[in-house]
Amino acid sequence: MPKVITVERPRPSLQFELPLWRQGLSLIAGIDEVGRGALAGPVYAAAVILPARKSILPELDGVRDSKQMRRAEREAWAPIIQEKALGFAIGKASCREIDRIGIAPATRLAAKRAVLGLRVLPQHLLVDYLRLQELDLPQSPIVGGDALCLSIAAASVVAKVARDAELCKLDQRFPLYGFAAHKGYATEAHRSAIEQYGPCAQHRRSFAPVRLQ
């Protein structure tokens, strides 16, 4: 009988939070975005401030990079993250803002809105890859941060669940495109729908597959 090999999904840690906590910085916000590569809908970002205690790691043991979690897992963990967090907020930039200023600035805008929506001002930001020049706050951009850093992974789950919920609502308004299934990403079914029906008001006209229609 062939041997079954299981692959452990990456486990985020507190390796980035702990040195900051030791410096006396207890309000550390993890930032992550979702929807950057989609053809339709807004780009979302979330900011999450976890309590400065080591026990938060086992308390959020099932939290991973949202892309590595099943939908049911994300939806189960998002309210737990929000309950345990010292603060969380969600920001977004619309498809029209994306078309007007570009996806990278719009992503930073969504992240800025998330940070400014927090009920307390963070002392340091841990950001997945991005540097938020628009915010005059100490920050650390971390490549692959959503897989490595618990605060960023928690933000990725909150942002993903919130954006998925909006795309399901958009599916009711624009039922021809299947937004509830693909969440605006460039699946074959989505591209075929754009070809057949043309883009709708939620499509990003600056993105090539839509612009060509």
N, C-alpha and C. Protein backbone atom coordinates (compact mmCIF):
# COMPACT_ATOMS: atom_id res chain seq x y z
N MET A 1 0.85 -1.20 0.00
CA MET A 1 0.00 0.00 0.00
C MET A 1 0.88 1.24 0.00
N PRO A 2 0.67 2.21 -0.94
CA PRO A 2 1.54 3.38 -1.00
C PRO A 2 1.45 4.21 0.27
N LYS A 3 2.57 4.80 0.64
CA LYS A 3 2.64 5.63 1.83
C LYS A 3 1.93 6.96 1.57
N VAL A 4 1.09 7.38 2.51
CA VAL A 4 0.38 8.65 2.39
C VAL A 4 1.23 9.75 3.02
N ILE A 5 1.52 10.77 2.26
CA ILE A 5 2.33 11.89 2.75
C ILE A 5 1.42 13.08 2.97
N THR A 6 1.40 13.56 4.17
CA THR A 6 0.62 14.76 4.47
C THR A 6 1.55 15.95 4.57
N VAL A 7 1.10 17.07 4.04
CA VAL A 7 1.90 18.29 4.05
C VAL A 7 1.30 19.27 5.06
N GLU A 8 2.07 19.63 6.05
CA GLU A 8 1.61 20.56 7.07
C GLU A 8 1.55 21.97 6.48
N ARG A 9 0.40 22.61 6.65
CA ARG A 9 0.28 23.98 6.19
C ARG A 9 1.13 24.90 7.05
N PRO A 10 1.69 25.95 6.46
CA PRO A 10 2.53 26.86 7.26
C PRO A 10 1.77 27.40 8.46
N ARG A 11 2.47 27.48 9.58
CA ARG A 11 1.86 27.97 10.81
C ARG A 11 2.44 29.35 11.12
N PRO A 12 1.64 30.39 11.12
CA PRO A 12 2.16 31.71 11.49
C PRO A 12 2.57 31.71 12.96
N SER A 13 3.51 32.57 13.29
CA SER A 13 4.03 32.64 14.65
C SER A 13 3.99 34.08 15.16
N LEU A 14 4.57 34.28 16.32
CA LEU A 14 4.69 35.62 16.91
C LEU A 14 6.11 36.15 16.79
N GLN A 15 6.86 35.65 15.80
CA GLN A 15 8.26 36.03 15.69
C GLN A 15 8.45 37.52 15.41
N PHE A 16 7.46 38.16 14.82
CA PHE A 16 7.57 39.59 14.53
C PHE A 16 6.96 40.45 15.64
N GLU A 17 5.95 39.92 16.30
CA GLU A 17 5.30 40.66 17.38
C GLU A 17 6.15 40.68 18.66
N LEU A 18 6.75 39.55 19.01
CA LEU A 18 7.44 39.44 20.30
C LEU A 18 8.52 40.49 20.52
N PRO A 19 9.42 40.74 19.55
CA PRO A 19 10.44 41.77 19.79
C PRO A 19 9.83 43.16 20.03
N LEU A 20 8.72 43.46 19.38
CA LEU A 20 8.06 44.75 19.57
C LEU A 20 7.39 44.81 20.94
N TRP A 21 6.75 43.70 21.33
CA TRP A 21 6.14 43.66 22.66
C TRP A 21 7.19 43.86 23.74
N ARG A 22 8.37 43.25 23.54
CA ARG A 22 9.43 43.39 24.54
C ARG A 22 9.92 44.83 24.66
N GLN A 23 9.74 45.60 23.59
CA GLN A 23 10.10 47.02 23.63
C GLN A 23 9.03 47.87 24.31
N GLY A 24 7.96 47.24 24.74
CA GLY A 24 6.88 47.97 25.38
C GLY A 24 5.80 48.44 24.43
N LEU A 25 5.86 47.98 23.18
CA LEU A 25 4.85 48.36 22.19
C LEU A 25 3.76 47.29 22.20
N SER A 26 2.64 47.59 22.79
CA SER A 26 1.58 46.59 22.94
C SER A 26 0.51 46.68 21.86
N LEU A 27 0.48 47.79 21.11
CA LEU A 27 -0.56 47.98 20.09
C LEU A 27 0.05 47.79 18.71
N ILE A 28 0.18 46.54 18.30
CA ILE A 28 0.78 46.17 17.01
C ILE A 28 -0.33 45.72 16.08
N ALA A 29 -0.46 46.38 14.95
CA ALA A 29 -1.53 46.04 14.00
C ALA A 29 -0.97 45.24 12.84
N GLY A 30 -1.58 44.10 12.59
CA GLY A 30 -1.30 43.35 11.37
C GLY A 30 -2.22 43.83 10.26
N ILE A 31 -1.68 44.01 9.06
CA ILE A 31 -2.44 44.53 7.92
C ILE A 31 -2.33 43.55 6.75
N ASP A 32 -3.44 43.24 6.12
CA ASP A 32 -3.39 42.45 4.89
C ASP A 32 -4.55 42.84 3.98
N GLU A 33 -4.37 42.57 2.70
CA GLU A 33 -5.38 42.92 1.70
C GLU A 33 -5.85 41.67 0.98
N VAL A 34 -7.01 41.81 0.33
CA VAL A 34 -7.54 40.73 -0.49
C VAL A 34 -8.30 41.34 -1.66
N GLY A 35 -8.22 40.67 -2.80
CA GLY A 35 -8.94 41.14 -3.98
C GLY A 35 -8.10 41.94 -4.94
N ARG A 36 -6.82 42.01 -4.70
CA ARG A 36 -5.95 42.83 -5.56
C ARG A 36 -5.97 42.34 -7.01
N GLY A 37 -5.98 41.04 -7.21
CA GLY A 37 -5.89 40.50 -8.57
C GLY A 37 -7.22 40.20 -9.23
N ALA A 38 -8.32 40.55 -8.58
CA ALA A 38 -9.64 40.25 -9.15
C ALA A 38 -9.95 41.18 -10.32
N LEU A 39 -10.88 40.76 -11.16
CA LEU A 39 -11.33 41.59 -12.28
C LEU A 39 -12.52 42.46 -11.91
N ALA A 40 -13.13 42.19 -10.76
CA ALA A 40 -14.35 42.90 -10.38
C ALA A 40 -14.40 43.06 -8.87
N GLY A 41 -15.16 44.07 -8.44
CA GLY A 41 -15.36 44.30 -7.02
C GLY A 41 -14.25 45.11 -6.39
N PRO A 42 -14.45 45.53 -5.15
CA PRO A 42 -13.46 46.35 -4.47
C PRO A 42 -12.27 45.53 -3.99
N VAL A 43 -11.19 46.22 -3.65
CA VAL A 43 -10.09 45.61 -2.92
C VAL A 43 -10.31 45.92 -1.44
N TYR A 44 -10.11 44.93 -0.61
CA TYR A 44 -10.34 45.06 0.83
C TYR A 44 -9.03 44.96 1.59
N ALA A 45 -8.98 45.58 2.75
CA ALA A 45 -7.87 45.40 3.67
C ALA A 45 -8.43 45.35 5.08
N ALA A 46 -7.75 44.65 5.95
CA ALA A 46 -8.13 44.61 7.36
C ALA A 46 -6.93 44.92 8.22
N ALA A 47 -7.18 45.55 9.35
CA ALA A 47 -6.17 45.81 10.37
C ALA A 47 -6.63 45.14 11.65
N VAL A 48 -5.75 44.36 12.27
CA VAL A 48 -6.09 43.62 13.48
C VAL A 48 -5.00 43.83 14.52
N ILE A 49 -5.39 44.26 15.72
CA ILE A 49 -4.46 44.38 16.85
C ILE A 49 -4.75 43.25 17.82
N LEU A 50 -3.82 42.31 17.93
CA LEU A 50 -3.98 41.20 18.85
C LEU A 50 -3.47 41.58 20.24
N PRO A 51 -4.01 40.98 21.30
CA PRO A 51 -3.49 41.26 22.63
C PRO A 51 -2.04 40.82 22.76
N ALA A 52 -1.25 41.59 23.49
CA ALA A 52 0.19 41.34 23.60
C ALA A 52 0.47 40.26 24.64
N ARG A 53 0.10 39.03 24.32
CA ARG A 53 0.37 37.91 25.21
C ARG A 53 0.66 36.67 24.36
N LYS A 54 1.60 35.86 24.84
CA LYS A 54 2.00 34.68 24.08
C LYS A 54 0.87 33.68 23.92
N SER A 55 -0.08 33.69 24.85
CA SER A 55 -1.16 32.70 24.80
C SER A 55 -2.09 32.91 23.61
N ILE A 56 -1.98 34.07 22.94
CA ILE A 56 -2.85 34.30 21.78
C ILE A 56 -2.52 33.34 20.64
N LEU A 57 -1.28 32.83 20.62
CA LEU A 57 -0.90 31.90 19.56
C LEU A 57 -1.69 30.60 19.64
N PRO A 58 -1.71 29.89 20.78
CA PRO A 58 -2.56 28.69 20.84
C PRO A 58 -4.06 29.01 20.78
N GLU A 59 -4.45 30.20 21.24
CA GLU A 59 -5.87 30.56 21.18
C GLU A 59 -6.35 30.72 19.74
N LEU A 60 -5.43 31.08 18.85
CA LEU A 60 -5.76 31.23 17.42
C LEU A 60 -5.03 30.18 16.59
N ASP A 61 -4.94 28.98 17.14
CA ASP A 61 -4.13 27.92 16.55
C ASP A 61 -4.54 27.57 15.12
N GLY A 62 -5.82 27.72 14.79
CA GLY A 62 -6.27 27.34 13.45
C GLY A 62 -6.15 28.43 12.41
N VAL A 63 -5.67 29.61 12.80
CA VAL A 63 -5.58 30.74 11.87
C VAL A 63 -4.33 30.61 11.01
N ARG A 64 -4.52 30.71 9.73
CA ARG A 64 -3.42 30.65 8.76
C ARG A 64 -3.62 31.78 7.75
N ASP A 65 -2.71 31.86 6.80
CA ASP A 65 -2.94 32.67 5.61
C ASP A 65 -4.31 32.26 5.06
N SER A 66 -5.19 33.23 4.82
CA SER A 66 -6.56 32.90 4.42
C SER A 66 -6.62 32.07 3.15
N LYS A 67 -5.62 32.19 2.29
CA LYS A 67 -5.60 31.41 1.05
C LYS A 67 -5.37 29.93 1.34
N GLN A 68 -4.84 29.62 2.50
CA GLN A 68 -4.56 28.23 2.86
C GLN A 68 -5.68 27.61 3.70
N MET A 69 -6.76 28.35 3.90
CA MET A 69 -7.86 27.87 4.72
C MET A 69 -9.10 27.63 3.86
N ARG A 70 -9.90 26.66 4.25
CA ARG A 70 -11.16 26.44 3.59
C ARG A 70 -12.15 27.53 4.00
N ARG A 71 -13.16 27.71 3.18
CA ARG A 71 -14.15 28.76 3.46
C ARG A 71 -14.77 28.59 4.84
N ALA A 72 -15.15 27.36 5.19
CA ALA A 72 -15.78 27.12 6.49
C ALA A 72 -14.83 27.47 7.62
N GLU A 73 -13.54 27.20 7.44
CA GLU A 73 -12.56 27.53 8.47
C GLU A 73 -12.45 29.05 8.64
N ARG A 74 -12.36 29.75 7.52
CA ARG A 74 -12.27 31.22 7.60
C ARG A 74 -13.49 31.81 8.30
N GLU A 75 -14.66 31.33 7.91
CA GLU A 75 -15.89 31.89 8.47
C GLU A 75 -16.05 31.54 9.95
N ALA A 76 -15.47 30.43 10.38
CA ALA A 76 -15.52 30.07 11.80
C ALA A 76 -14.53 30.90 12.62
N TRP A 77 -13.35 31.17 12.04
CA TRP A 77 -12.30 31.86 12.79
C TRP A 77 -12.45 33.38 12.78
N ALA A 78 -13.05 33.95 11.76
CA ALA A 78 -13.14 35.42 11.69
C ALA A 78 -13.81 36.03 12.92
N PRO A 79 -14.97 35.53 13.38
CA PRO A 79 -15.56 36.14 14.57
C PRO A 79 -14.75 35.90 15.84
N ILE A 80 -14.01 34.80 15.90
CA ILE A 80 -13.15 34.54 17.06
C ILE A 80 -12.01 35.56 17.09
N ILE A 81 -11.41 35.81 15.92
CA ILE A 81 -10.36 36.83 15.83
C ILE A 81 -10.89 38.18 16.28
N GLN A 82 -12.05 38.54 15.79
CA GLN A 82 -12.64 39.84 16.13
C GLN A 82 -12.95 39.94 17.62
N GLU A 83 -13.38 38.84 18.22
CA GLU A 83 -13.70 38.85 19.65
C GLU A 83 -12.45 38.99 20.51
N LYS A 84 -11.37 38.32 20.12
CA LYS A 84 -10.15 38.33 20.92
C LYS A 84 -9.29 39.56 20.67
N ALA A 85 -9.45 40.21 19.53
CA ALA A 85 -8.61 41.36 19.18
C ALA A 85 -8.88 42.55 20.08
N LEU A 86 -7.83 43.33 20.33
CA LEU A 86 -8.00 44.61 21.02
C LEU A 86 -8.70 45.61 20.11
N GLY A 87 -8.57 45.41 18.84
CA GLY A 87 -9.25 46.26 17.86
C GLY A 87 -9.09 45.67 16.47
N PHE A 88 -10.09 45.89 15.63
CA PHE A 88 -9.99 45.49 14.23
C PHE A 88 -10.82 46.46 13.40
N ALA A 89 -10.44 46.62 12.15
CA ALA A 89 -11.20 47.48 11.24
C ALA A 89 -10.96 47.01 9.82
N ILE A 90 -11.93 47.32 8.96
CA ILE A 90 -11.87 46.92 7.56
C ILE A 90 -11.95 48.18 6.70
N GLY A 91 -11.11 48.23 5.68
CA GLY A 91 -11.16 49.33 4.71
C GLY A 91 -11.26 48.76 3.31
N LYS A 92 -11.78 49.54 2.40
CA LYS A 92 -11.86 49.07 1.02
C LYS A 92 -11.70 50.24 0.07
N ALA A 93 -11.37 49.91 -1.17
CA ALA A 93 -11.34 50.88 -2.26
C ALA A 93 -12.17 50.30 -3.39
N SER A 94 -13.05 51.11 -3.95
CA SER A 94 -14.00 50.63 -4.95
C SER A 94 -13.34 50.36 -6.29
N CYS A 95 -14.08 49.68 -7.16
CA CYS A 95 -13.54 49.42 -8.49
C CYS A 95 -13.30 50.72 -9.25
N ARG A 96 -14.12 51.73 -9.00
CA ARG A 96 -13.91 53.02 -9.67
C ARG A 96 -12.64 53.70 -9.17
N GLU A 97 -12.38 53.60 -7.87
CA GLU A 97 -11.13 54.15 -7.34
C GLU A 97 -9.94 53.40 -7.89
N ILE A 98 -10.07 52.09 -8.04
CA ILE A 98 -8.99 51.29 -8.64
C ILE A 98 -8.71 51.76 -10.06
N ASP A 99 -9.77 51.98 -10.84
CA ASP A 99 -9.60 52.44 -12.22
C ASP A 99 -8.98 53.84 -12.27
N ARG A 100 -9.34 54.68 -11.31
CA ARG A 100 -8.87 56.06 -11.34
C ARG A 100 -7.41 56.21 -10.92
N ILE A 101 -7.00 55.48 -9.85
CA ILE A 101 -5.66 55.72 -9.31
C ILE A 101 -4.71 54.53 -9.48
N GLY A 102 -5.24 53.37 -9.91
CA GLY A 102 -4.39 52.19 -10.08
C GLY A 102 -4.53 51.25 -8.90
N ILE A 103 -4.25 49.99 -9.13
CA ILE A 103 -4.50 48.98 -8.11
C ILE A 103 -3.55 49.10 -6.92
N ALA A 104 -2.28 49.42 -7.15
CA ALA A 104 -1.36 49.53 -6.01
C ALA A 104 -1.74 50.68 -5.08
N PRO A 105 -1.97 51.92 -5.62
CA PRO A 105 -2.41 52.99 -4.73
C PRO A 105 -3.76 52.69 -4.07
N ALA A 106 -4.67 52.03 -4.80
CA ALA A 106 -5.97 51.71 -4.22
C ALA A 106 -5.84 50.70 -3.09
N THR A 107 -4.91 49.76 -3.23
CA THR A 107 -4.67 48.79 -2.16
C THR A 107 -4.14 49.50 -0.92
N ARG A 108 -3.21 50.42 -1.12
CA ARG A 108 -2.69 51.18 0.03
C ARG A 108 -3.79 52.05 0.64
N LEU A 109 -4.69 52.57 -0.20
CA LEU A 109 -5.80 53.39 0.30
C LEU A 109 -6.72 52.55 1.18
N ALA A 110 -7.02 51.34 0.75
CA ALA A 110 -7.86 50.45 1.55
C ALA A 110 -7.19 50.15 2.89
N ALA A 111 -5.87 49.90 2.85
CA ALA A 111 -5.14 49.62 4.09
C ALA A 111 -5.13 50.84 5.01
N LYS A 112 -4.93 52.02 4.43
CA LYS A 112 -4.97 53.25 5.23
C LYS A 112 -6.33 53.42 5.89
N ARG A 113 -7.39 53.18 5.16
CA ARG A 113 -8.74 53.30 5.72
C ARG A 113 -8.95 52.30 6.85
N ALA A 114 -8.39 51.11 6.71
CA ALA A 114 -8.52 50.12 7.78
C ALA A 114 -7.80 50.60 9.04
N VAL A 115 -6.58 51.09 8.88
CA VAL A 115 -5.82 51.55 10.05
C VAL A 115 -6.51 52.73 10.72
N LEU A 116 -6.98 53.68 9.92
CA LEU A 116 -7.65 54.85 10.49
C LEU A 116 -9.00 54.50 11.10
N GLY A 117 -9.53 53.35 10.74
CA GLY A 117 -10.80 52.91 11.32
C GLY A 117 -10.66 52.23 12.67
N LEU A 118 -9.42 51.95 13.08
CA LEU A 118 -9.21 51.32 14.39
C LEU A 118 -9.60 52.27 15.51
N ARG A 119 -10.12 51.72 16.58
CA ARG A 119 -10.54 52.56 17.70
C ARG A 119 -9.37 53.07 18.52
N VAL A 120 -8.21 52.41 18.36
CA VAL A 120 -6.98 52.90 19.00
C VAL A 120 -5.90 53.01 17.94
N LEU A 121 -5.01 53.99 18.08
CA LEU A 121 -3.94 54.19 17.11
C LEU A 121 -2.82 53.18 17.38
N PRO A 122 -2.48 52.35 16.40
CA PRO A 122 -1.40 51.38 16.64
C PRO A 122 -0.04 52.06 16.76
N GLN A 123 0.84 51.40 17.49
CA GLN A 123 2.21 51.92 17.68
C GLN A 123 3.15 51.42 16.59
N HIS A 124 2.77 50.35 15.91
CA HIS A 124 3.61 49.77 14.85
C HIS A 124 2.71 48.95 13.94
N LEU A 125 3.03 48.93 12.66
CA LEU A 125 2.27 48.16 11.68
C LEU A 125 3.13 47.02 11.14
N LEU A 126 2.55 45.84 11.08
CA LEU A 126 3.15 44.70 10.40
C LEU A 126 2.32 44.46 9.15
N VAL A 127 2.93 44.69 7.98
CA VAL A 127 2.17 44.73 6.73
C VAL A 127 2.67 43.63 5.80
N ASP A 128 1.74 42.94 5.17
CA ASP A 128 2.13 41.91 4.20
C ASP A 128 2.66 42.59 2.93
N TYR A 129 3.96 42.64 2.82
CA TYR A 129 4.68 43.10 1.62
C TYR A 129 4.67 44.61 1.42
N LEU A 130 3.53 45.25 1.59
CA LEU A 130 3.41 46.67 1.26
C LEU A 130 4.13 47.57 2.26
N ARG A 131 4.49 48.78 1.81
CA ARG A 131 4.86 49.86 2.71
C ARG A 131 3.84 50.97 2.50
N LEU A 132 3.23 51.41 3.58
CA LEU A 132 2.16 52.40 3.51
C LEU A 132 2.73 53.79 3.74
N GLN A 133 3.22 54.39 2.64
CA GLN A 133 3.85 55.72 2.76
C GLN A 133 2.86 56.77 3.24
N GLU A 134 1.57 56.52 3.02
CA GLU A 134 0.55 57.50 3.38
C GLU A 134 0.32 57.60 4.89
N LEU A 135 0.87 56.64 5.64
CA LEU A 135 0.68 56.64 7.09
C LEU A 135 2.01 56.91 7.79
N ASP A 136 2.02 57.92 8.64
CA ASP A 136 3.22 58.28 9.38
C ASP A 136 3.30 57.46 10.66
N LEU A 137 3.45 56.16 10.49
CA LEU A 137 3.54 55.23 11.60
C LEU A 137 4.70 54.27 11.35
N PRO A 138 5.41 53.86 12.40
CA PRO A 138 6.45 52.84 12.21
C PRO A 138 5.84 51.57 11.64
N GLN A 139 6.52 50.96 10.69
CA GLN A 139 5.95 49.78 10.05
C GLN A 139 7.02 48.87 9.51
N SER A 140 6.66 47.61 9.40
CA SER A 140 7.56 46.59 8.86
C SER A 140 6.85 45.83 7.76
N PRO A 141 7.26 46.03 6.49
CA PRO A 141 6.71 45.20 5.41
C PRO A 141 7.38 43.82 5.44
N ILE A 142 6.57 42.77 5.40
CA ILE A 142 7.08 41.41 5.54
C ILE A 142 6.66 40.61 4.32
N VAL A 143 7.62 40.12 3.56
CA VAL A 143 7.32 39.29 2.39
C VAL A 143 6.75 37.96 2.88
N GLY A 144 5.59 37.60 2.36
CA GLY A 144 4.93 36.38 2.80
C GLY A 144 4.42 36.48 4.22
N GLY A 145 4.12 37.69 4.65
CA GLY A 145 3.72 37.92 6.03
C GLY A 145 2.46 37.19 6.43
N ASP A 146 1.53 36.98 5.49
CA ASP A 146 0.28 36.31 5.86
C ASP A 146 0.50 34.84 6.24
N ALA A 147 1.61 34.26 5.82
CA ALA A 147 1.93 32.88 6.19
C ALA A 147 2.83 32.80 7.41
N LEU A 148 3.52 33.90 7.72
CA LEU A 148 4.55 33.88 8.76
C LEU A 148 4.15 34.55 10.06
N CYS A 149 3.30 35.56 9.98
CA CYS A 149 3.01 36.45 11.11
C CYS A 149 1.55 36.30 11.52
N LEU A 150 1.31 35.99 12.79
CA LEU A 150 -0.05 35.74 13.24
C LEU A 150 -0.95 36.96 13.07
N SER A 151 -0.45 38.15 13.38
CA SER A 151 -1.28 39.35 13.26
C SER A 151 -1.72 39.58 11.81
N ILE A 152 -0.80 39.34 10.87
CA ILE A 152 -1.13 39.53 9.46
C ILE A 152 -2.07 38.43 8.98
N ALA A 153 -1.81 37.19 9.41
CA ALA A 153 -2.71 36.09 9.05
C ALA A 153 -4.12 36.36 9.54
N ALA A 154 -4.24 36.87 10.77
CA ALA A 154 -5.56 37.19 11.31
C ALA A 154 -6.24 38.26 10.46
N ALA A 155 -5.49 39.28 10.04
CA ALA A 155 -6.04 40.33 9.18
C ALA A 155 -6.46 39.76 7.84
N SER A 156 -5.70 38.80 7.31
CA SER A 156 -6.05 38.22 6.01
C SER A 156 -7.38 37.48 6.09
N VAL A 157 -7.63 36.81 7.21
CA VAL A 157 -8.89 36.07 7.37
C VAL A 157 -10.06 37.05 7.47
N VAL A 158 -9.91 38.08 8.28
CA VAL A 158 -10.98 39.07 8.45
C VAL A 158 -11.30 39.75 7.12
N ALA A 159 -10.25 40.15 6.37
CA ALA A 159 -10.46 40.83 5.10
C ALA A 159 -11.12 39.90 4.08
N LYS A 160 -10.66 38.65 4.02
CA LYS A 160 -11.20 37.70 3.04
C LYS A 160 -12.67 37.42 3.28
N VAL A 161 -13.05 37.18 4.55
CA VAL A 161 -14.44 36.87 4.86
C VAL A 161 -15.33 38.08 4.54
N ALA A 162 -14.85 39.28 4.85
CA ALA A 162 -15.65 40.48 4.57
C ALA A 162 -15.82 40.70 3.07
N ARG A 163 -14.75 40.54 2.31
CA ARG A 163 -14.86 40.75 0.86
C ARG A 163 -15.73 39.68 0.21
N ASP A 164 -15.56 38.43 0.62
CA ASP A 164 -16.39 37.35 0.06
C ASP A 164 -17.88 37.64 0.29
N ALA A 165 -18.20 38.16 1.48
CA ALA A 165 -19.60 38.48 1.78
C ALA A 165 -20.12 39.56 0.84
N GLU A 166 -19.29 40.56 0.54
CA GLU A 166 -19.74 41.61 -0.38
C GLU A 166 -19.92 41.07 -1.79
N LEU A 167 -19.01 40.20 -2.23
CA LEU A 167 -19.15 39.64 -3.58
C LEU A 167 -20.39 38.76 -3.69
N CYS A 168 -20.78 38.11 -2.61
CA CYS A 168 -22.03 37.33 -2.63
C CYS A 168 -23.23 38.26 -2.77
N LYS A 169 -23.16 39.43 -2.15
CA LYS A 169 -24.25 40.41 -2.31
C LYS A 169 -24.26 40.96 -3.74
N LEU A 170 -23.07 41.21 -4.29
CA LEU A 170 -23.00 41.70 -5.67
C LEU A 170 -23.53 40.67 -6.65
N ASP A 171 -23.40 39.38 -6.31
CA ASP A 171 -23.93 38.33 -7.17
C ASP A 171 -25.44 38.44 -7.31
N GLN A 172 -26.11 38.92 -6.26
CA GLN A 172 -27.56 39.09 -6.32
C GLN A 172 -27.94 40.27 -7.22
N ARG A 173 -27.09 41.30 -7.23
CA ARG A 173 -27.35 42.46 -8.07
C ARG A 173 -26.97 42.21 -9.53
N PHE A 174 -25.93 41.40 -9.75
CA PHE A 174 -25.43 41.14 -11.10
C PHE A 174 -25.34 39.62 -11.28
N PRO A 175 -26.46 38.92 -11.42
CA PRO A 175 -26.48 37.45 -11.38
C PRO A 175 -25.87 36.77 -12.61
N LEU A 176 -25.55 37.52 -13.64
CA LEU A 176 -25.04 36.91 -14.87
C LEU A 176 -23.59 36.46 -14.77
N TYR A 177 -22.86 36.94 -13.75
CA TYR A 177 -21.40 36.79 -13.75
C TYR A 177 -20.86 35.74 -12.78
N GLY A 178 -21.67 35.26 -11.86
CA GLY A 178 -21.21 34.22 -10.94
C GLY A 178 -20.28 34.71 -9.85
N PHE A 179 -20.46 35.96 -9.40
CA PHE A 179 -19.55 36.53 -8.40
C PHE A 179 -19.49 35.69 -7.11
N ALA A 180 -20.60 35.08 -6.73
CA ALA A 180 -20.62 34.29 -5.49
C ALA A 180 -19.67 33.10 -5.58
N ALA A 181 -19.47 32.59 -6.78
CA ALA A 181 -18.61 31.42 -6.95
C ALA A 181 -17.14 31.79 -7.04
N HIS A 182 -16.80 32.78 -7.86
CA HIS A 182 -15.38 33.07 -8.11
C HIS A 182 -14.89 34.35 -7.44
N LYS A 183 -15.79 35.08 -6.80
CA LYS A 183 -15.45 36.30 -6.04
C LYS A 183 -14.75 37.36 -6.90
N GLY A 184 -15.06 37.36 -8.20
CA GLY A 184 -14.52 38.39 -9.07
C GLY A 184 -13.20 38.06 -9.74
N TYR A 185 -12.64 36.90 -9.43
CA TYR A 185 -11.34 36.54 -10.01
C TYR A 185 -11.52 36.00 -11.43
N ALA A 186 -10.40 35.88 -12.13
CA ALA A 186 -10.44 35.63 -13.58
C ALA A 186 -10.55 34.15 -13.90
N THR A 187 -11.59 33.49 -13.45
CA THR A 187 -11.83 32.11 -13.82
C THR A 187 -12.30 32.05 -15.27
N GLU A 188 -12.28 30.85 -15.81
CA GLU A 188 -12.75 30.68 -17.19
C GLU A 188 -14.23 31.06 -17.30
N ALA A 189 -15.02 30.67 -16.30
CA ALA A 189 -16.45 30.99 -16.33
C ALA A 189 -16.68 32.50 -16.26
N HIS A 190 -15.87 33.19 -15.46
CA HIS A 190 -16.01 34.64 -15.36
C HIS A 190 -15.64 35.33 -16.66
N ARG A 191 -14.53 34.91 -17.25
CA ARG A 191 -14.11 35.50 -18.53
C ARG A 191 -15.16 35.26 -19.62
N SER A 192 -15.73 34.07 -19.61
CA SER A 192 -16.76 33.76 -20.60
C SER A 192 -17.99 34.64 -20.42
N ALA A 193 -18.36 34.90 -19.17
CA ALA A 193 -19.51 35.76 -18.90
C ALA A 193 -19.25 37.19 -19.36
N ILE A 194 -18.02 37.67 -19.15
CA ILE A 194 -17.68 39.01 -19.60
C ILE A 194 -17.75 39.09 -21.12
N GLU A 195 -17.26 38.04 -21.79
CA GLU A 195 -17.33 38.00 -23.25
C GLU A 195 -18.77 38.01 -23.74
N GLN A 196 -19.62 37.26 -23.06
CA GLN A 196 -21.01 37.11 -23.51
C GLN A 196 -21.85 38.34 -23.19
N TYR A 197 -21.69 38.89 -22.00
CA TYR A 197 -22.60 39.96 -21.55
C TYR A 197 -21.94 41.34 -21.49
N GLY A 198 -20.61 41.38 -21.65
CA GLY A 198 -19.92 42.64 -21.45
C GLY A 198 -19.73 42.92 -19.97
N PRO A 199 -18.89 43.89 -19.61
CA PRO A 199 -18.66 44.19 -18.20
C PRO A 199 -19.84 44.89 -17.55
N CYS A 200 -19.96 44.72 -16.24
CA CYS A 200 -20.99 45.42 -15.48
C CYS A 200 -20.35 46.56 -14.69
N ALA A 201 -21.13 47.23 -13.88
CA ALA A 201 -20.65 48.40 -13.13
C ALA A 201 -19.59 48.05 -12.10
N GLN A 202 -19.46 46.77 -11.75
CA GLN A 202 -18.47 46.38 -10.75
C GLN A 202 -17.18 45.84 -11.35
N HIS A 203 -17.06 45.86 -12.67
CA HIS A 203 -15.83 45.40 -13.30
C HIS A 203 -14.80 46.52 -13.36
N ARG A 204 -13.55 46.14 -13.23
CA ARG A 204 -12.43 47.09 -13.26
C ARG A 204 -12.04 47.33 -14.72
N ARG A 205 -12.43 48.46 -15.24
CA ARG A 205 -12.23 48.73 -16.67
C ARG A 205 -10.75 48.92 -17.02
N SER A 206 -9.92 49.19 -16.03
CA SER A 206 -8.49 49.38 -16.29
C SER A 206 -7.73 48.05 -16.38
N PHE A 207 -8.39 46.94 -16.07
CA PHE A 207 -7.75 45.63 -16.14
C PHE A 207 -7.94 45.08 -17.55
N ALA A 208 -6.87 44.57 -18.15
CA ALA A 208 -6.86 44.21 -19.57
C ALA A 208 -8.00 43.29 -19.98
N PRO A 209 -8.30 42.20 -19.25
CA PRO A 209 -9.38 41.30 -19.72
C PRO A 209 -10.74 41.99 -19.78
N VAL A 210 -10.94 43.03 -19.00
CA VAL A 210 -12.20 43.78 -19.06
C VAL A 210 -12.10 44.89 -20.09
N ARG A 211 -10.98 45.56 -20.14
CA ARG A 211 -10.79 46.69 -21.05
C ARG A 211 -10.98 46.30 -22.50
N LEU A 212 -10.65 45.06 -22.82
CA LEU A 212 -10.72 44.59 -24.19
C LEU A 212 -12.15 44.29 -24.64
N GLN A 213 -13.09 44.26 -23.68
CA GLN A 213 -14.48 43.95 -24.06
C GLN A 213 -15.21 45.20 -24.56
